[in-house]
Every structure is written in C-alpha cells, then in structure tokens.
mmCIF file of all heavy atoms, coordinates in Angstrom:
data_MODEL
# 
_entry.id   MODEL 
# 
loop_
_atom_site.group_PDB 
_atom_site.id 
_atom_site.type_symbol 
_atom_site.label_atom_id 
_atom_site.label_alt_id 
_atom_site.label_comp_id 
_atom_site.label_asym_id 
_atom_site.label_entity_id 
_atom_site.label_seq_id 
_atom_site.pdbx_PDB_ins_code 
_atom_site.Cartn_x 
_atom_site.Cartn_y 
_atom_site.Cartn_z 
_atom_site.occupancy 
_atom_site.B_iso_or_equiv 
_atom_site.pdbx_formal_charge 
_atom_site.auth_seq_id 
_atom_site.auth_comp_id 
_atom_site.auth_asym_id 
_atom_site.auth_atom_id 
_atom_site.pdbx_PDB_model_num 
ATOM 1   N N   . GLN A 1 1  ? 135.084 84.014 180.176 1.00 0.00 ? 1  GLN A N   1 
ATOM 2   C CA  . GLN A 1 1  ? 135.050 85.010 179.157 1.00 0.00 ? 1  GLN A CA  1 
ATOM 3   C C   . GLN A 1 1  ? 133.654 85.567 178.896 1.00 0.00 ? 1  GLN A C   1 
ATOM 4   O O   . GLN A 1 1  ? 133.532 86.758 178.574 1.00 0.00 ? 1  GLN A O   1 
ATOM 5   C CB  . GLN A 1 1  ? 135.621 84.409 177.849 1.00 0.00 ? 1  GLN A CB  1 
ATOM 6   C CG  . GLN A 1 1  ? 136.967 83.778 177.928 1.00 0.00 ? 1  GLN A CG  1 
ATOM 7   C CD  . GLN A 1 1  ? 138.059 84.778 178.331 1.00 0.00 ? 1  GLN A CD  1 
ATOM 8   O OE1 . GLN A 1 1  ? 137.973 85.959 177.898 1.00 0.00 ? 1  GLN A OE1 1 
ATOM 9   N NE2 . GLN A 1 1  ? 139.036 84.353 179.034 1.00 0.00 ? 1  GLN A NE2 1 
ATOM 10  N N   . VAL A 1 2  ? 132.646 84.719 178.996 1.00 0.00 ? 2  VAL A N   1 
ATOM 11  C CA  . VAL A 1 2  ? 131.267 85.150 178.635 1.00 0.00 ? 2  VAL A CA  1 
ATOM 12  C C   . VAL A 1 2  ? 130.267 84.261 179.349 1.00 0.00 ? 2  VAL A C   1 
ATOM 13  O O   . VAL A 1 2  ? 130.537 83.148 179.726 1.00 0.00 ? 2  VAL A O   1 
ATOM 14  C CB  . VAL A 1 2  ? 131.124 84.998 177.100 1.00 0.00 ? 2  VAL A CB  1 
ATOM 15  C CG1 . VAL A 1 2  ? 131.115 83.575 176.676 1.00 0.00 ? 2  VAL A CG1 1 
ATOM 16  C CG2 . VAL A 1 2  ? 129.858 85.719 176.577 1.00 0.00 ? 2  VAL A CG2 1 
ATOM 17  N N   . ASP A 1 3  ? 129.129 84.823 179.606 1.00 0.00 ? 3  ASP A N   1 
ATOM 18  C CA  . ASP A 1 3  ? 127.930 84.096 180.087 1.00 0.00 ? 3  ASP A CA  1 
ATOM 19  C C   . ASP A 1 3  ? 128.126 83.484 181.494 1.00 0.00 ? 3  ASP A C   1 
ATOM 20  O O   . ASP A 1 3  ? 127.499 82.462 181.812 1.00 0.00 ? 3  ASP A O   1 
ATOM 21  C CB  . ASP A 1 3  ? 127.534 82.932 179.142 1.00 0.00 ? 3  ASP A CB  1 
ATOM 22  C CG  . ASP A 1 3  ? 126.651 83.413 177.991 1.00 0.00 ? 3  ASP A CG  1 
ATOM 23  O OD1 . ASP A 1 3  ? 126.264 84.607 177.978 1.00 0.00 ? 3  ASP A OD1 1 
ATOM 24  O OD2 . ASP A 1 3  ? 126.340 82.639 177.130 1.00 0.00 ? 3  ASP A OD2 1 
ATOM 25  N N   . VAL A 1 4  ? 128.896 84.142 182.362 1.00 0.00 ? 4  VAL A N   1 
ATOM 26  C CA  . VAL A 1 4  ? 129.017 83.570 183.734 1.00 0.00 ? 4  VAL A CA  1 
ATOM 27  C C   . VAL A 1 4  ? 127.693 83.509 184.435 1.00 0.00 ? 4  VAL A C   1 
ATOM 28  O O   . VAL A 1 4  ? 127.432 82.621 185.301 1.00 0.00 ? 4  VAL A O   1 
ATOM 29  C CB  . VAL A 1 4  ? 130.088 84.352 184.537 1.00 0.00 ? 4  VAL A CB  1 
ATOM 30  C CG1 . VAL A 1 4  ? 129.537 85.804 184.836 1.00 0.00 ? 4  VAL A CG1 1 
ATOM 31  C CG2 . VAL A 1 4  ? 130.415 83.609 185.855 1.00 0.00 ? 4  VAL A CG2 1 
ATOM 32  N N   . VAL A 1 5  ? 126.816 84.465 184.093 1.00 0.00 ? 5  VAL A N   1 
ATOM 33  C CA  . VAL A 1 5  ? 125.478 84.478 184.756 1.00 0.00 ? 5  VAL A CA  1 
ATOM 34  C C   . VAL A 1 5  ? 124.628 83.229 184.421 1.00 0.00 ? 5  VAL A C   1 
ATOM 35  O O   . VAL A 1 5  ? 123.716 82.925 185.117 1.00 0.00 ? 5  VAL A O   1 
ATOM 36  C CB  . VAL A 1 5  ? 124.685 85.741 184.361 1.00 0.00 ? 5  VAL A CB  1 
ATOM 37  C CG1 . VAL A 1 5  ? 125.351 86.949 184.870 1.00 0.00 ? 5  VAL A CG1 1 
ATOM 38  C CG2 . VAL A 1 5  ? 124.474 85.873 182.862 1.00 0.00 ? 5  VAL A CG2 1 
ATOM 39  N N   . LEU A 1 6  ? 125.043 82.544 183.292 1.00 0.00 ? 6  LEU A N   1 
ATOM 40  C CA  . LEU A 1 6  ? 124.245 81.403 182.887 1.00 0.00 ? 6  LEU A CA  1 
ATOM 41  C C   . LEU A 1 6  ? 124.932 80.086 183.308 1.00 0.00 ? 6  LEU A C   1 
ATOM 42  O O   . LEU A 1 6  ? 124.461 78.978 182.931 1.00 0.00 ? 6  LEU A O   1 
ATOM 43  C CB  . LEU A 1 6  ? 124.103 81.385 181.383 1.00 0.00 ? 6  LEU A CB  1 
ATOM 44  C CG  . LEU A 1 6  ? 123.322 82.616 180.798 1.00 0.00 ? 6  LEU A CG  1 
ATOM 45  C CD1 . LEU A 1 6  ? 123.158 82.414 179.292 1.00 0.00 ? 6  LEU A CD1 1 
ATOM 46  C CD2 . LEU A 1 6  ? 121.964 82.767 181.469 1.00 0.00 ? 6  LEU A CD2 1 
ATOM 47  N N   . LEU A 1 7  ? 126.020 80.143 184.062 1.00 0.00 ? 7  LEU A N   1 
ATOM 48  C CA  . LEU A 1 7  ? 126.770 78.950 184.455 1.00 0.00 ? 7  LEU A CA  1 
ATOM 49  C C   . LEU A 1 7  ? 125.840 77.950 185.169 1.00 0.00 ? 7  LEU A C   1 
ATOM 50  O O   . LEU A 1 7  ? 125.868 76.775 184.866 1.00 0.00 ? 7  LEU A O   1 
ATOM 51  C CB  . LEU A 1 7  ? 127.940 79.316 185.351 1.00 0.00 ? 7  LEU A CB  1 
ATOM 52  C CG  . LEU A 1 7  ? 128.750 78.107 185.891 1.00 0.00 ? 7  LEU A CG  1 
ATOM 53  C CD1 . LEU A 1 7  ? 129.289 77.274 184.745 1.00 0.00 ? 7  LEU A CD1 1 
ATOM 54  C CD2 . LEU A 1 7  ? 129.914 78.629 186.749 1.00 0.00 ? 7  LEU A CD2 1 
ATOM 55  N N   . PRO A 1 8  ? 125.004 78.352 186.163 1.00 0.00 ? 8  PRO A N   1 
ATOM 56  C CA  . PRO A 1 8  ? 124.180 77.311 186.786 1.00 0.00 ? 8  PRO A CA  1 
ATOM 57  C C   . PRO A 1 8  ? 123.248 76.596 185.798 1.00 0.00 ? 8  PRO A C   1 
ATOM 58  O O   . PRO A 1 8  ? 123.045 75.414 185.856 1.00 0.00 ? 8  PRO A O   1 
ATOM 59  C CB  . PRO A 1 8  ? 123.377 78.151 187.819 1.00 0.00 ? 8  PRO A CB  1 
ATOM 60  C CG  . PRO A 1 8  ? 124.227 79.365 188.046 1.00 0.00 ? 8  PRO A CG  1 
ATOM 61  C CD  . PRO A 1 8  ? 124.844 79.687 186.784 1.00 0.00 ? 8  PRO A CD  1 
ATOM 62  N N   . TYR A 1 9  ? 122.698 77.428 184.895 1.00 0.00 ? 9  TYR A N   1 
ATOM 63  C CA  . TYR A 1 9  ? 121.801 76.783 183.850 1.00 0.00 ? 9  TYR A CA  1 
ATOM 64  C C   . TYR A 1 9  ? 122.613 75.849 182.986 1.00 0.00 ? 9  TYR A C   1 
ATOM 65  O O   . TYR A 1 9  ? 122.124 74.756 182.631 1.00 0.00 ? 9  TYR A O   1 
ATOM 66  C CB  . TYR A 1 9  ? 121.151 77.875 183.024 1.00 0.00 ? 9  TYR A CB  1 
ATOM 67  C CG  . TYR A 1 9  ? 120.255 77.329 181.912 1.00 0.00 ? 9  TYR A CG  1 
ATOM 68  C CD1 . TYR A 1 9  ? 119.061 76.712 182.230 1.00 0.00 ? 9  TYR A CD1 1 
ATOM 69  C CD2 . TYR A 1 9  ? 120.641 77.488 180.611 1.00 0.00 ? 9  TYR A CD2 1 
ATOM 70  C CE1 . TYR A 1 9  ? 118.215 76.223 181.186 1.00 0.00 ? 9  TYR A CE1 1 
ATOM 71  C CE2 . TYR A 1 9  ? 119.861 76.986 179.599 1.00 0.00 ? 9  TYR A CE2 1 
ATOM 72  C CZ  . TYR A 1 9  ? 118.610 76.338 179.904 1.00 0.00 ? 9  TYR A CZ  1 
ATOM 73  O OH  . TYR A 1 9  ? 117.844 75.908 178.843 1.00 0.00 ? 9  TYR A OH  1 
ATOM 74  N N   . TYR A 1 10 ? 123.815 76.256 182.559 1.00 0.00 ? 10 TYR A N   1 
ATOM 75  C CA  . TYR A 1 10 ? 124.614 75.363 181.728 1.00 0.00 ? 10 TYR A CA  1 
ATOM 76  C C   . TYR A 1 10 ? 124.995 74.099 182.466 1.00 0.00 ? 10 TYR A C   1 
ATOM 77  O O   . TYR A 1 10 ? 125.050 73.055 181.899 1.00 0.00 ? 10 TYR A O   1 
ATOM 78  C CB  . TYR A 1 10 ? 125.878 76.108 181.268 1.00 0.00 ? 10 TYR A CB  1 
ATOM 79  C CG  . TYR A 1 10 ? 125.676 77.260 180.248 1.00 0.00 ? 10 TYR A CG  1 
ATOM 80  C CD1 . TYR A 1 10 ? 126.528 78.272 180.107 1.00 0.00 ? 10 TYR A CD1 1 
ATOM 81  C CD2 . TYR A 1 10 ? 124.537 77.191 179.450 1.00 0.00 ? 10 TYR A CD2 1 
ATOM 82  C CE1 . TYR A 1 10 ? 126.336 79.269 179.142 1.00 0.00 ? 10 TYR A CE1 1 
ATOM 83  C CE2 . TYR A 1 10 ? 124.336 78.201 178.480 1.00 0.00 ? 10 TYR A CE2 1 
ATOM 84  C CZ  . TYR A 1 10 ? 125.192 79.241 178.378 1.00 0.00 ? 10 TYR A CZ  1 
ATOM 85  O OH  . TYR A 1 10 ? 125.017 80.200 177.418 1.00 0.00 ? 10 TYR A OH  1 
ATOM 86  N N   . LEU A 1 11 ? 125.287 74.236 183.765 1.00 0.00 ? 11 LEU A N   1 
ATOM 87  C CA  . LEU A 1 11 ? 125.646 73.024 184.529 1.00 0.00 ? 11 LEU A CA  1 
ATOM 88  C C   . LEU A 1 11 ? 124.499 72.074 184.599 1.00 0.00 ? 11 LEU A C   1 
ATOM 89  O O   . LEU A 1 11 ? 124.608 70.842 184.518 1.00 0.00 ? 11 LEU A O   1 
ATOM 90  C CB  . LEU A 1 11 ? 126.110 73.410 185.940 1.00 0.00 ? 11 LEU A CB  1 
ATOM 91  C CG  . LEU A 1 11 ? 127.472 74.102 185.986 1.00 0.00 ? 11 LEU A CG  1 
ATOM 92  C CD1 . LEU A 1 11 ? 127.756 74.590 187.419 1.00 0.00 ? 11 LEU A CD1 1 
ATOM 93  C CD2 . LEU A 1 11 ? 128.596 73.100 185.608 1.00 0.00 ? 11 LEU A CD2 1 
ATOM 94  N N   . PHE A 1 12 ? 123.266 72.630 184.865 1.00 0.00 ? 12 PHE A N   1 
ATOM 95  C CA  . PHE A 1 12 ? 122.086 71.790 184.897 1.00 0.00 ? 12 PHE A CA  1 
ATOM 96  C C   . PHE A 1 12 ? 121.853 71.141 183.548 1.00 0.00 ? 12 PHE A C   1 
ATOM 97  O O   . PHE A 1 12 ? 121.617 69.902 183.458 1.00 0.00 ? 12 PHE A O   1 
ATOM 98  C CB  . PHE A 1 12 ? 120.851 72.626 185.218 1.00 0.00 ? 12 PHE A CB  1 
ATOM 99  C CG  . PHE A 1 12 ? 119.501 71.971 184.992 1.00 0.00 ? 12 PHE A CG  1 
ATOM 100 C CD1 . PHE A 1 12 ? 119.070 71.039 185.868 1.00 0.00 ? 12 PHE A CD1 1 
ATOM 101 C CD2 . PHE A 1 12 ? 118.771 72.258 183.853 1.00 0.00 ? 12 PHE A CD2 1 
ATOM 102 C CE1 . PHE A 1 12 ? 117.850 70.338 185.637 1.00 0.00 ? 12 PHE A CE1 1 
ATOM 103 C CE2 . PHE A 1 12 ? 117.562 71.620 183.608 1.00 0.00 ? 12 PHE A CE2 1 
ATOM 104 C CZ  . PHE A 1 12 ? 117.095 70.652 184.502 1.00 0.00 ? 12 PHE A CZ  1 
ATOM 105 N N   . MET A 1 13 ? 122.034 71.883 182.396 1.00 0.00 ? 13 MET A N   1 
ATOM 106 C CA  . MET A 1 13 ? 121.786 71.268 181.126 1.00 0.00 ? 13 MET A CA  1 
ATOM 107 C C   . MET A 1 13 ? 122.931 70.248 180.769 1.00 0.00 ? 13 MET A C   1 
ATOM 108 O O   . MET A 1 13 ? 122.714 69.310 180.013 1.00 0.00 ? 13 MET A O   1 
ATOM 109 C CB  . MET A 1 13 ? 121.756 72.350 180.060 1.00 0.00 ? 13 MET A CB  1 
ATOM 110 C CG  . MET A 1 13 ? 120.494 73.251 180.147 1.00 0.00 ? 13 MET A CG  1 
ATOM 111 S SD  . MET A 1 13 ? 118.922 72.334 180.017 1.00 0.00 ? 13 MET A SD  1 
ATOM 112 C CE  . MET A 1 13 ? 119.085 71.646 178.399 1.00 0.00 ? 13 MET A CE  1 
ATOM 113 N N   . HIS A 1 14 ? 124.125 70.447 181.349 1.00 0.00 ? 14 HIS A N   1 
ATOM 114 C CA  . HIS A 1 14 ? 125.228 69.511 181.146 1.00 0.00 ? 14 HIS A CA  1 
ATOM 115 C C   . HIS A 1 14 ? 124.800 68.126 181.664 1.00 0.00 ? 14 HIS A C   1 
ATOM 116 O O   . HIS A 1 14 ? 124.953 67.083 180.987 1.00 0.00 ? 14 HIS A O   1 
ATOM 117 C CB  . HIS A 1 14 ? 126.464 69.981 181.860 1.00 0.00 ? 14 HIS A CB  1 
ATOM 118 C CG  . HIS A 1 14 ? 127.653 69.108 181.703 1.00 0.00 ? 14 HIS A CG  1 
ATOM 119 N ND1 . HIS A 1 14 ? 128.550 69.165 180.675 1.00 0.00 ? 14 HIS A ND1 1 
ATOM 120 C CD2 . HIS A 1 14 ? 128.077 68.068 182.511 1.00 0.00 ? 14 HIS A CD2 1 
ATOM 121 C CE1 . HIS A 1 14 ? 129.471 68.299 180.825 1.00 0.00 ? 14 HIS A CE1 1 
ATOM 122 N NE2 . HIS A 1 14 ? 129.243 67.587 181.863 1.00 0.00 ? 14 HIS A NE2 1 
ATOM 123 N N   . VAL A 1 15 ? 124.193 68.140 182.848 1.00 0.00 ? 15 VAL A N   1 
ATOM 124 C CA  . VAL A 1 15 ? 123.728 66.842 183.430 1.00 0.00 ? 15 VAL A CA  1 
ATOM 125 C C   . VAL A 1 15 ? 122.563 66.321 182.616 1.00 0.00 ? 15 VAL A C   1 
ATOM 126 O O   . VAL A 1 15 ? 122.426 65.136 182.309 1.00 0.00 ? 15 VAL A O   1 
ATOM 127 C CB  . VAL A 1 15 ? 123.379 67.052 184.894 1.00 0.00 ? 15 VAL A CB  1 
ATOM 128 C CG1 . VAL A 1 15 ? 122.763 65.752 185.485 1.00 0.00 ? 15 VAL A CG1 1 
ATOM 129 C CG2 . VAL A 1 15 ? 124.589 67.489 185.675 1.00 0.00 ? 15 VAL A CG2 1 
ATOM 130 N N   . TRP A 1 16 ? 121.602 67.222 182.258 1.00 0.00 ? 16 TRP A N   1 
ATOM 131 C CA  . TRP A 1 16 ? 120.406 66.840 181.529 1.00 0.00 ? 16 TRP A CA  1 
ATOM 132 C C   . TRP A 1 16 ? 120.784 66.169 180.179 1.00 0.00 ? 16 TRP A C   1 
ATOM 133 O O   . TRP A 1 16 ? 120.207 65.144 179.820 1.00 0.00 ? 16 TRP A O   1 
ATOM 134 C CB  . TRP A 1 16 ? 119.540 68.086 181.261 1.00 0.00 ? 16 TRP A CB  1 
ATOM 135 C CG  . TRP A 1 16 ? 118.208 67.709 180.641 1.00 0.00 ? 16 TRP A CG  1 
ATOM 136 C CD1 . TRP A 1 16 ? 117.952 67.689 179.338 1.00 0.00 ? 16 TRP A CD1 1 
ATOM 137 C CD2 . TRP A 1 16 ? 117.005 67.430 181.316 1.00 0.00 ? 16 TRP A CD2 1 
ATOM 138 N NE1 . TRP A 1 16 ? 116.605 67.384 179.065 1.00 0.00 ? 16 TRP A NE1 1 
ATOM 139 C CE2 . TRP A 1 16 ? 116.012 67.212 180.325 1.00 0.00 ? 16 TRP A CE2 1 
ATOM 140 C CE3 . TRP A 1 16 ? 116.603 67.333 182.657 1.00 0.00 ? 16 TRP A CE3 1 
ATOM 141 C CZ2 . TRP A 1 16 ? 114.731 66.864 180.617 1.00 0.00 ? 16 TRP A CZ2 1 
ATOM 142 C CZ3 . TRP A 1 16 ? 115.311 67.011 182.996 1.00 0.00 ? 16 TRP A CZ3 1 
ATOM 143 C CH2 . TRP A 1 16 ? 114.388 66.758 181.944 1.00 0.00 ? 16 TRP A CH2 1 
ATOM 144 N N   . ILE A 1 17 ? 121.703 66.785 179.455 1.00 0.00 ? 17 ILE A N   1 
ATOM 145 C CA  . ILE A 1 17 ? 122.120 66.227 178.174 1.00 0.00 ? 17 ILE A CA  1 
ATOM 146 C C   . ILE A 1 17 ? 122.779 64.832 178.358 1.00 0.00 ? 17 ILE A C   1 
ATOM 147 O O   . ILE A 1 17 ? 122.528 63.926 177.590 1.00 0.00 ? 17 ILE A O   1 
ATOM 148 C CB  . ILE A 1 17 ? 123.117 67.133 177.448 1.00 0.00 ? 17 ILE A CB  1 
ATOM 149 C CG1 . ILE A 1 17 ? 122.374 68.358 176.963 1.00 0.00 ? 17 ILE A CG1 1 
ATOM 150 C CG2 . ILE A 1 17 ? 123.808 66.507 176.327 1.00 0.00 ? 17 ILE A CG2 1 
ATOM 151 C CD1 . ILE A 1 17 ? 123.323 69.495 176.439 1.00 0.00 ? 17 ILE A CD1 1 
ATOM 152 N N   . ALA A 1 18 ? 123.534 64.672 179.413 1.00 0.00 ? 18 ALA A N   1 
ATOM 153 C CA  . ALA A 1 18 ? 124.108 63.350 179.702 1.00 0.00 ? 18 ALA A CA  1 
ATOM 154 C C   . ALA A 1 18 ? 123.068 62.288 179.913 1.00 0.00 ? 18 ALA A C   1 
ATOM 155 O O   . ALA A 1 18 ? 123.247 61.097 179.581 1.00 0.00 ? 18 ALA A O   1 
ATOM 156 C CB  . ALA A 1 18 ? 125.068 63.485 180.908 1.00 0.00 ? 18 ALA A CB  1 
ATOM 157 N N   . LEU A 1 19 ? 121.920 62.724 180.495 1.00 0.00 ? 19 LEU A N   1 
ATOM 158 C CA  . LEU A 1 19 ? 120.891 61.757 180.822 1.00 0.00 ? 19 LEU A CA  1 
ATOM 159 C C   . LEU A 1 19 ? 119.898 61.529 179.657 1.00 0.00 ? 19 LEU A C   1 
ATOM 160 O O   . LEU A 1 19 ? 119.479 60.407 179.436 1.00 0.00 ? 19 LEU A O   1 
ATOM 161 C CB  . LEU A 1 19 ? 120.068 62.234 182.046 1.00 0.00 ? 19 LEU A CB  1 
ATOM 162 C CG  . LEU A 1 19 ? 120.845 62.257 183.401 1.00 0.00 ? 19 LEU A CG  1 
ATOM 163 C CD1 . LEU A 1 19 ? 120.000 62.871 184.479 1.00 0.00 ? 19 LEU A CD1 1 
ATOM 164 C CD2 . LEU A 1 19 ? 121.247 60.864 183.808 1.00 0.00 ? 19 LEU A CD2 1 
ATOM 165 N N   . PHE A 1 20 ? 119.545 62.575 178.963 1.00 0.00 ? 20 PHE A N   1 
ATOM 166 C CA  . PHE A 1 20 ? 118.467 62.521 178.019 1.00 0.00 ? 20 PHE A CA  1 
ATOM 167 C C   . PHE A 1 20 ? 118.840 62.889 176.563 1.00 0.00 ? 20 PHE A C   1 
ATOM 168 O O   . PHE A 1 20 ? 118.019 62.893 175.708 1.00 0.00 ? 20 PHE A O   1 
ATOM 169 C CB  . PHE A 1 20 ? 117.309 63.461 178.413 1.00 0.00 ? 20 PHE A CB  1 
ATOM 170 C CG  . PHE A 1 20 ? 116.795 63.124 179.796 1.00 0.00 ? 20 PHE A CG  1 
ATOM 171 C CD1 . PHE A 1 20 ? 117.104 63.886 180.918 1.00 0.00 ? 20 PHE A CD1 1 
ATOM 172 C CD2 . PHE A 1 20 ? 115.983 61.979 180.011 1.00 0.00 ? 20 PHE A CD2 1 
ATOM 173 C CE1 . PHE A 1 20 ? 116.661 63.558 182.199 1.00 0.00 ? 20 PHE A CE1 1 
ATOM 174 C CE2 . PHE A 1 20 ? 115.507 61.692 181.258 1.00 0.00 ? 20 PHE A CE2 1 
ATOM 175 C CZ  . PHE A 1 20 ? 115.848 62.476 182.381 1.00 0.00 ? 20 PHE A CZ  1 
ATOM 176 N N   . GLY A 1 21 ? 120.075 63.275 176.336 1.00 0.00 ? 21 GLY A N   1 
ATOM 177 C CA  . GLY A 1 21 ? 120.473 63.544 174.933 1.00 0.00 ? 21 GLY A CA  1 
ATOM 178 C C   . GLY A 1 21 ? 120.377 65.003 174.636 1.00 0.00 ? 21 GLY A C   1 
ATOM 179 O O   . GLY A 1 21 ? 119.934 65.845 175.407 1.00 0.00 ? 21 GLY A O   1 
ATOM 180 N N   . ASN A 1 22 ? 120.791 65.330 173.363 1.00 0.00 ? 22 ASN A N   1 
ATOM 181 C CA  . ASN A 1 22 ? 120.840 66.781 172.944 1.00 0.00 ? 22 ASN A CA  1 
ATOM 182 C C   . ASN A 1 22 ? 119.937 67.088 171.822 1.00 0.00 ? 22 ASN A C   1 
ATOM 183 O O   . ASN A 1 22 ? 120.168 68.091 171.078 1.00 0.00 ? 22 ASN A O   1 
ATOM 184 C CB  . ASN A 1 22 ? 122.333 67.111 172.552 1.00 0.00 ? 22 ASN A CB  1 
ATOM 185 C CG  . ASN A 1 22 ? 122.738 66.410 171.281 1.00 0.00 ? 22 ASN A CG  1 
ATOM 186 O OD1 . ASN A 1 22 ? 122.069 65.465 170.797 1.00 0.00 ? 22 ASN A OD1 1 
ATOM 187 N ND2 . ASN A 1 22 ? 123.849 66.846 170.715 1.00 0.00 ? 22 ASN A ND2 1 
ATOM 188 N N   . SER A 1 23 ? 118.848 66.345 171.655 1.00 0.00 ? 23 SER A N   1 
ATOM 189 C CA  . SER A 1 23 ? 117.887 66.699 170.616 1.00 0.00 ? 23 SER A CA  1 
ATOM 190 C C   . SER A 1 23 ? 117.143 67.990 171.010 1.00 0.00 ? 23 SER A C   1 
ATOM 191 O O   . SER A 1 23 ? 117.156 68.393 172.174 1.00 0.00 ? 23 SER A O   1 
ATOM 192 C CB  . SER A 1 23 ? 116.863 65.590 170.420 1.00 0.00 ? 23 SER A CB  1 
ATOM 193 O OG  . SER A 1 23 ? 116.009 65.457 171.541 1.00 0.00 ? 23 SER A OG  1 
ATOM 194 N N   . GLU A 1 24 ? 116.508 68.642 170.034 1.00 0.00 ? 24 GLU A N   1 
ATOM 195 C CA  . GLU A 1 24 ? 115.767 69.852 170.358 1.00 0.00 ? 24 GLU A CA  1 
ATOM 196 C C   . GLU A 1 24 ? 114.689 69.574 171.405 1.00 0.00 ? 24 GLU A C   1 
ATOM 197 O O   . GLU A 1 24 ? 114.513 70.369 172.305 1.00 0.00 ? 24 GLU A O   1 
ATOM 198 C CB  . GLU A 1 24 ? 115.084 70.430 169.051 1.00 0.00 ? 24 GLU A CB  1 
ATOM 199 C CG  . GLU A 1 24 ? 116.029 70.939 168.023 1.00 0.00 ? 24 GLU A CG  1 
ATOM 200 C CD  . GLU A 1 24 ? 116.489 69.939 166.955 1.00 0.00 ? 24 GLU A CD  1 
ATOM 201 O OE1 . GLU A 1 24 ? 116.243 68.722 167.243 1.00 0.00 ? 24 GLU A OE1 1 
ATOM 202 O OE2 . GLU A 1 24 ? 116.925 70.342 165.918 1.00 0.00 ? 24 GLU A OE2 1 
ATOM 203 N N   . ILE A 1 25 ? 113.999 68.431 171.260 1.00 0.00 ? 25 ILE A N   1 
ATOM 204 C CA  . ILE A 1 25 ? 112.946 68.099 172.217 1.00 0.00 ? 25 ILE A CA  1 
ATOM 205 C C   . ILE A 1 25 ? 113.525 67.914 173.602 1.00 0.00 ? 25 ILE A C   1 
ATOM 206 O O   . ILE A 1 25 ? 113.061 68.503 174.549 1.00 0.00 ? 25 ILE A O   1 
ATOM 207 C CB  . ILE A 1 25 ? 112.138 66.892 171.778 1.00 0.00 ? 25 ILE A CB  1 
ATOM 208 C CG1 . ILE A 1 25 ? 111.379 67.182 170.491 1.00 0.00 ? 25 ILE A CG1 1 
ATOM 209 C CG2 . ILE A 1 25 ? 111.226 66.403 172.845 1.00 0.00 ? 25 ILE A CG2 1 
ATOM 210 C CD1 . ILE A 1 25 ? 110.655 65.970 169.901 1.00 0.00 ? 25 ILE A CD1 1 
ATOM 211 N N   . ALA A 1 26 ? 114.555 67.098 173.693 1.00 0.00 ? 26 ALA A N   1 
ATOM 212 C CA  . ALA A 1 26 ? 115.167 66.787 175.001 1.00 0.00 ? 26 ALA A CA  1 
ATOM 213 C C   . ALA A 1 26 ? 115.590 68.027 175.714 1.00 0.00 ? 26 ALA A C   1 
ATOM 214 O O   . ALA A 1 26 ? 115.423 68.215 176.926 1.00 0.00 ? 26 ALA A O   1 
ATOM 215 C CB  . ALA A 1 26 ? 116.295 65.807 174.810 1.00 0.00 ? 26 ALA A CB  1 
# 
C-alpha cells in the first residue's frame, strides 16, 4: 500500500531491532 521504496531499509531494521532492540539510540 505504501513505502515500497523503503522495503529494503525496513527489512534491515527488522533484523536490527531483533538483535539490538527498538530504543531511539539502538
């Protein structure tokens, strides 16, 4: 529906959040 151009970035951040959490700093 939206932001398909950001899918690779979202996928990277999906893995990053799983490893390091979702704080502002992380």
